[in-house]
Amino acid sequence: MTVDDIAVASFHGTSTKYNDLNESQVLQKQLVHLGRKKGNIILGICQKYLTGHPKGAAAAWLLNGMIQVMRIEE
């Protein structure tokens, strides 16, 4: 596998203006640094805005979203 095989990223996603911008920029810089090809998009899962910061609820929503994405890829 290579960095181009990554299809989904799970974000902490606090849904604040600056965090969303910073988090996506950091991921972009990491992918470029690792050699990801330009134009190879990646799906981001950001569900914390639905649950706030309760860890159990946030984890459950995130797991649900990731399972849904994996089922689409089948």
Protein backbone atom coordinates (compact mmCIF):
# COMPACT_ATOMS: atom_id res chain seq x y z
CA MET A 1 0.00 0.00 0.00
CA THR A 2 1.00 3.59 -0.59
CA VAL A 3 -0.25 6.97 0.60
CA ASP A 4 -2.43 7.04 -2.54
CA ASP A 5 -4.39 4.04 -1.26
CA ILE A 6 -5.78 5.95 1.72
CA ALA A 7 -9.41 6.76 0.96
CA VAL A 8 -10.80 8.11 4.25
CA ALA A 9 -9.50 10.30 7.07
CA SER A 10 -11.08 10.60 10.49
CA PHE A 11 -10.94 14.15 11.83
CA HIS A 12 -11.18 15.30 15.42
CA GLY A 13 -13.55 17.87 13.97
CA THR A 14 -14.55 20.29 16.72
CA SER A 15 -16.47 22.26 14.09
CA THR A 16 -14.85 25.57 14.90
CA LYS A 17 -13.73 27.90 12.13
CA TYR A 18 -10.02 27.73 12.94
CA ASN A 19 -9.79 24.07 13.95
CA ASP A 20 -11.49 22.83 10.78
CA LEU A 21 -9.15 24.93 8.66
CA ASN A 22 -6.02 23.94 10.59
CA GLU A 23 -6.88 20.25 10.74
CA SER A 24 -7.54 19.96 7.02
CA GLN A 25 -4.38 21.93 6.17
CA VAL A 26 -2.25 19.70 8.39
CA LEU A 27 -3.63 16.57 6.73
CA GLN A 28 -3.03 18.07 3.28
CA LYS A 29 0.59 18.92 4.15
CA GLN A 30 1.18 15.42 5.52
CA LEU A 31 -0.24 13.76 2.40
CA VAL A 32 1.83 15.96 0.09
CA HIS A 33 4.97 15.28 2.16
CA LEU A 34 4.32 11.54 1.87
CA GLY A 35 4.00 11.82 -1.92
CA ARG A 36 0.25 11.60 -2.49
CA LYS A 37 -0.60 12.37 -6.12
CA LYS A 38 -2.29 15.70 -6.81
CA GLY A 39 -6.01 15.33 -7.48
CA ASN A 40 -6.34 12.09 -5.51
CA ILE A 41 -9.10 13.17 -3.14
CA ILE A 42 -9.65 11.81 0.35
CA LEU A 43 -12.98 11.61 2.17
CA GLY A 44 -13.02 13.22 5.62
CA ILE A 45 -15.29 12.02 8.42
CA CYS A 46 -16.05 14.88 10.85
CA GLN A 47 -18.91 13.97 13.12
CA LYS A 48 -18.00 15.58 16.41
CA TYR A 49 -20.07 18.66 15.60
CA LEU A 50 -23.13 16.43 16.13
CA THR A 51 -22.14 15.21 19.57
CA GLY A 52 -19.92 17.83 21.16
CA HIS A 53 -17.15 16.48 23.38
CA PRO A 54 -18.69 13.47 25.20
CA LYS A 55 -16.15 10.82 24.28
CA GLY A 56 -18.56 7.88 24.19
CA ALA A 57 -21.07 9.58 21.92
CA ALA A 58 -18.40 11.03 19.67
CA ALA A 59 -16.70 7.63 19.33
CA ALA A 60 -19.99 5.88 18.54
CA TRP A 61 -20.89 8.40 15.84
CA LEU A 62 -17.41 8.21 14.36
CA LEU A 63 -17.44 4.40 14.31
CA ASN A 64 -20.84 4.44 12.64
CA GLY A 65 -19.62 6.84 9.96
CA MET A 66 -16.49 4.82 9.27
CA ILE A 67 -18.48 1.58 8.96
CA GLN A 68 -20.84 3.26 6.50
CA VAL A 69 -17.92 4.48 4.40
CA MET A 70 -16.29 1.03 4.35
CA ARG A 71 -19.57 -0.54 3.21
CA ILE A 72 -19.77 1.95 0.31
CA GLU A 73 -16.24 0.99 -0.77
CA GLU A 74 -17.14 -2.74 -1.01
